[in-house]
Amino acid sequence: MDQSGVGHMELSGKIISGHFDQPNNEFSLQRVKHFYTESTLKKSQIDSLYEYLDKHKHQDDGQIITLYDQLPFHLSQEEVMELIGDLNEIKSLYH
């Protein structure tokens, strides 16, 4: 991770990228796979997504997730595991 400013940390994971705003305790999502977005996620949202994916990580056919509740895309089982790793790194930043 790179420091990009006071209280901000950049994260470029395997599935998602964005920056963590330490003063506001929020993660701003900027990329999911090859889709670009701008969404701010609170700790409870990251935790919920992490818990759901961790619970279903052994499904052979992966998962379908959506951006903006409109744009669905498929994550393979391997990509689900990579996203869990990305989310775990983000979870460690929240206070």
C-alpha atoms as a PDB file:
ATOM      1  CA  MET A   1       0.000   0.000   0.000  1.00  0.00           C
ATOM      2  CA  ASP A   2       1.113   3.514  -0.737  1.00  0.00           C
ATOM      3  CA  GLN A   3       0.511   6.640   1.323  1.00  0.00           C
ATOM      4  CA  SER A   4      -1.315   9.050  -0.986  1.00  0.00           C
ATOM      5  CA  GLY A   5      -2.022  11.793   1.512  1.00  0.00           C
ATOM      6  CA  VAL A   6      -2.645  12.424   5.162  1.00  0.00           C
ATOM      7  CA  GLY A   7      -4.923   9.690   6.420  1.00  0.00           C
ATOM      8  CA  HIS A   8      -5.345   8.018   3.010  1.00  0.00           C
ATOM      9  CA  MET A   9      -3.957   4.651   1.951  1.00  0.00           C
ATOM     10  CA  GLU A  10      -4.139   3.262  -1.579  1.00  0.00           C
ATOM     11  CA  LEU A  11      -5.034  -0.396  -2.048  1.00  0.00           C
ATOM     12  CA  SER A  12      -4.546  -2.199  -5.326  1.00  0.00           C
ATOM     13  CA  GLY A  13      -5.755  -5.746  -4.773  1.00  0.00           C
ATOM     14  CA  LYS A  14      -6.186  -8.627  -7.185  1.00  0.00           C
ATOM     15  CA  ILE A  15      -9.926  -8.007  -7.656  1.00  0.00           C
ATOM     16  CA  ILE A  16     -10.620  -4.566  -6.174  1.00  0.00           C
ATOM     17  CA  SER A  17      -8.760  -1.263  -5.891  1.00  0.00           C
ATOM     18  CA  GLY A  18      -9.452   1.984  -4.121  1.00  0.00           C
ATOM     19  CA  HIS A  19      -8.331   4.052  -1.169  1.00  0.00           C
ATOM     20  CA  PHE A  20      -8.944   3.950   2.553  1.00  0.00           C
ATOM     21  CA  ASP A  21      -9.813   7.219   4.297  1.00  0.00           C
ATOM     22  CA  GLN A  22      -8.554   6.761   7.867  1.00  0.00           C
ATOM     23  CA  PRO A  23     -10.151   9.898   9.399  1.00  0.00           C
ATOM     24  CA  ASN A  24     -13.607   8.875   8.097  1.00  0.00           C
ATOM     25  CA  ASN A  25     -13.011   5.119   8.508  1.00  0.00           C
ATOM     26  CA  GLU A  26     -14.289   4.454   4.953  1.00  0.00           C
ATOM     27  CA  PHE A  27     -13.037   2.571   1.912  1.00  0.00           C
ATOM     28  CA  SER A  28     -13.659   4.171  -1.482  1.00  0.00           C
ATOM     29  CA  LEU A  29     -13.985   1.439  -4.076  1.00  0.00           C
ATOM     30  CA  GLN A  30     -12.689   2.485  -7.506  1.00  0.00           C
ATOM     31  CA  ARG A  31     -12.293  -0.765  -9.486  1.00  0.00           C
ATOM     32  CA  VAL A  32     -13.831  -4.252  -9.396  1.00  0.00           C
ATOM     33  CA  LYS A  33     -12.087  -6.575 -11.855  1.00  0.00           C
ATOM     34  CA  HIS A  34     -12.002  -4.403 -14.999  1.00  0.00           C
ATOM     35  CA  PHE A  35     -15.041  -2.267 -14.094  1.00  0.00           C
ATOM     36  CA  TYR A  36     -14.472   1.236 -12.763  1.00  0.00           C
ATOM     37  CA  THR A  37     -16.758   2.607 -10.070  1.00  0.00           C
ATOM     38  CA  GLU A  38     -16.845   5.106  -7.227  1.00  0.00           C
ATOM     39  CA  SER A  39     -18.501   3.717  -4.126  1.00  0.00           C
ATOM     40  CA  THR A  40     -17.779   4.352  -0.460  1.00  0.00           C
ATOM     41  CA  LEU A  41     -18.065   1.347   1.821  1.00  0.00           C
ATOM     42  CA  LYS A  42     -18.498   1.432   5.573  1.00  0.00           C
ATOM     43  CA  LYS A  43     -16.980  -1.228   7.824  1.00  0.00           C
ATOM     44  CA  SER A  44     -20.328  -3.034   8.174  1.00  0.00           C
ATOM     45  CA  GLN A  45     -20.631  -3.351   4.368  1.00  0.00           C
ATOM     46  CA  ILE A  46     -17.093  -4.749   3.997  1.00  0.00           C
ATOM     47  CA  ASP A  47     -17.750  -7.145   6.899  1.00  0.00           C
ATOM     48  CA  SER A  48     -21.044  -8.362   5.382  1.00  0.00           C
ATOM     49  CA  LEU A  49     -19.510  -8.974   1.957  1.00  0.00           C
ATOM     50  CA  TYR A  50     -16.502 -10.720   3.509  1.00  0.00           C
ATOM     51  CA  GLU A  51     -18.682 -12.980   5.682  1.00  0.00           C
ATOM     52  CA  TYR A  52     -20.962 -13.902   2.770  1.00  0.00           C
ATOM     53  CA  LEU A  53     -18.079 -14.742   0.436  1.00  0.00           C
ATOM     54  CA  ASP A  54     -16.187 -16.637   3.140  1.00  0.00           C
ATOM     55  CA  LYS A  55     -19.310 -18.715   3.869  1.00  0.00           C
ATOM     56  CA  HIS A  56     -19.756 -19.552   0.144  1.00  0.00           C
ATOM     57  CA  LYS A  57     -16.111 -19.738  -0.961  1.00  0.00           C
ATOM     58  CA  HIS A  58     -16.230 -23.462  -1.722  1.00  0.00           C
ATOM     59  CA  GLN A  59     -18.968 -23.235  -4.346  1.00  0.00           C
ATOM     60  CA  ASP A  60     -17.452 -24.574  -7.563  1.00  0.00           C
ATOM     61  CA  ASP A  61     -19.367 -22.195  -9.816  1.00  0.00           C
ATOM     62  CA  GLY A  62     -18.211 -19.018  -8.005  1.00  0.00           C
ATOM     63  CA  GLN A  63     -20.485 -16.066  -7.313  1.00  0.00           C
ATOM     64  CA  ILE A  64     -22.413 -13.417  -9.207  1.00  0.00           C
ATOM     65  CA  ILE A  65     -22.053  -9.917  -7.750  1.00  0.00           C
ATOM     66  CA  THR A  66     -23.490  -6.637  -8.958  1.00  0.00           C
ATOM     67  CA  LEU A  67     -22.365  -3.043  -9.142  1.00  0.00           C
ATOM     68  CA  TYR A  68     -25.051  -0.440  -8.511  1.00  0.00           C
ATOM     69  CA  ASP A  69     -27.587  -3.317  -8.259  1.00  0.00           C
ATOM     70  CA  GLN A  70     -27.664  -3.279 -12.074  1.00  0.00           C
ATOM     71  CA  LEU A  71     -24.406  -4.582 -13.537  1.00  0.00           C
ATOM     72  CA  PRO A  72     -23.951  -8.283 -12.672  1.00  0.00           C
ATOM     73  CA  PHE A  73     -20.678 -10.073 -13.264  1.00  0.00           C
ATOM     74  CA  HIS A  74     -19.292 -13.483 -12.412  1.00  0.00           C
ATOM     75  CA  LEU A  75     -16.414 -14.214 -10.049  1.00  0.00           C
ATOM     76  CA  SER A  76     -14.824 -17.640 -10.407  1.00  0.00           C
ATOM     77  CA  GLN A  77     -14.054 -19.611  -7.249  1.00  0.00           C
ATOM     78  CA  GLU A  78     -10.419 -18.448  -7.558  1.00  0.00           C
ATOM     79  CA  GLU A  79     -11.520 -14.803  -7.929  1.00  0.00           C
ATOM     80  CA  VAL A  80     -13.780 -15.174  -4.873  1.00  0.00           C
ATOM     81  CA  MET A  81     -10.723 -16.306  -2.886  1.00  0.00           C
ATOM     82  CA  GLU A  82      -8.719 -13.338  -4.224  1.00  0.00           C
ATOM     83  CA  LEU A  83     -11.529 -10.935  -3.298  1.00  0.00           C
ATOM     84  CA  ILE A  84     -11.670 -12.427   0.210  1.00  0.00           C
ATOM     85  CA  GLY A  85      -7.937 -11.676   0.489  1.00  0.00           C
ATOM     86  CA  ASP A  86      -8.475  -8.102  -0.724  1.00  0.00           C
ATOM     87  CA  LEU A  87     -11.344  -7.596   1.738  1.00  0.00           C
ATOM     88  CA  ASN A  88      -9.300  -9.050   4.583  1.00  0.00           C
ATOM     89  CA  GLU A  89      -6.599  -6.453   3.908  1.00  0.00           C
ATOM     90  CA  ILE A  90      -9.199  -3.657   3.886  1.00  0.00           C
ATOM     91  CA  LYS A  91     -10.806  -4.990   7.102  1.00  0.00           C
ATOM     92  CA  SER A  92      -7.467  -4.582   8.887  1.00  0.00           C
ATOM     93  CA  LEU A  93      -7.512  -0.833   8.155  1.00  0.00           C
ATOM     94  CA  TYR A  94     -10.817  -0.046   9.897  1.00  0.00           C
ATOM     95  CA  HIS A  95     -10.712   1.140  13.507  1.00  0.00           C
END
